[in-house]
Amino acid sequence: MNSPDHESNSLRSAELWAVWRIDDNGNVFVVREHLDRAEAEKLVEKFTACGHKQMYWVERDA
């Protein structure tokens, strides 16, 4: 039988994340969804390193 702590840890490890951006006009867009957190953060780093004016960030998928 799984303990509540084990189930909680399993749910956290299965959380999905999205990469968002805001453009120069204040429009907000989802760039990519359904990523694990490490993938999402790498994508933000990649876009940020390219010198885009837009701001990118990571949020949990809804």
Protein backbone atom coordinates (compact mmCIF):
# COMPACT_ATOMS: atom_id res chain seq x y z
CA MET A 1 0.00 0.00 0.00
CA ASN A 2 1.25 3.50 -0.83
CA SER A 3 1.61 6.06 1.91
CA PRO A 4 0.12 9.54 1.41
CA ASP A 5 3.65 10.96 1.23
CA HIS A 6 4.60 8.51 -1.53
CA GLU A 7 1.49 9.39 -3.54
CA SER A 8 2.16 13.09 -3.07
CA ASN A 9 5.75 12.68 -4.32
CA SER A 10 4.53 10.70 -7.35
CA LEU A 11 2.06 13.44 -8.26
CA ARG A 12 4.74 16.13 -7.97
CA SER A 13 7.13 14.23 -10.21
CA ALA A 14 4.37 13.92 -12.84
CA GLU A 15 3.58 17.65 -12.91
CA LEU A 16 3.63 19.17 -16.35
CA TRP A 17 4.92 22.62 -17.19
CA ALA A 18 4.44 25.19 -19.94
CA VAL A 19 6.67 27.90 -21.41
CA TRP A 20 5.02 31.29 -21.79
CA ARG A 21 6.10 34.54 -23.39
CA ILE A 22 4.97 38.13 -23.45
CA ASP A 23 5.66 40.19 -26.57
CA ASP A 24 6.43 43.89 -27.00
CA ASN A 25 2.71 44.71 -27.16
CA GLY A 26 1.83 42.91 -23.92
CA ASN A 27 0.29 39.88 -25.62
CA VAL A 28 0.82 36.65 -23.67
CA PHE A 29 1.22 33.30 -25.45
CA VAL A 30 1.89 29.68 -24.58
CA VAL A 31 5.02 28.62 -26.45
CA ARG A 32 5.06 24.92 -25.45
CA GLU A 33 2.98 22.79 -23.08
CA HIS A 34 3.16 19.41 -21.39
CA LEU A 35 6.87 19.48 -20.59
CA ASP A 36 8.67 18.36 -17.48
CA ARG A 37 10.14 21.24 -15.53
CA ALA A 38 13.73 20.67 -16.69
CA GLU A 39 12.68 20.68 -20.37
CA ALA A 40 10.66 23.85 -19.87
CA GLU A 41 13.51 25.67 -18.13
CA LYS A 42 15.97 24.62 -20.86
CA LEU A 43 13.63 26.02 -23.50
CA VAL A 44 13.39 29.34 -21.63
CA GLU A 45 17.20 29.47 -21.44
CA LYS A 46 17.45 28.73 -25.18
CA PHE A 47 15.02 31.49 -26.18
CA THR A 48 16.53 33.98 -23.74
CA ALA A 49 20.05 33.28 -25.04
CA CYS A 50 18.93 34.10 -28.60
CA GLY A 51 18.49 37.74 -27.61
CA HIS A 52 14.75 37.93 -28.21
CA LYS A 53 13.10 41.04 -26.81
CA GLN A 54 10.21 38.98 -25.49
CA MET A 55 10.20 37.67 -21.94
CA TYR A 56 9.88 33.92 -21.39
CA TRP A 57 8.96 32.03 -18.21
CA VAL A 58 7.80 28.65 -16.91
CA GLU A 59 4.46 27.91 -15.23
CA ARG A 60 2.66 24.71 -14.30
CA ASP A 61 0.20 23.45 -16.90
CA ALA A 62 -3.38 24.15 -15.90
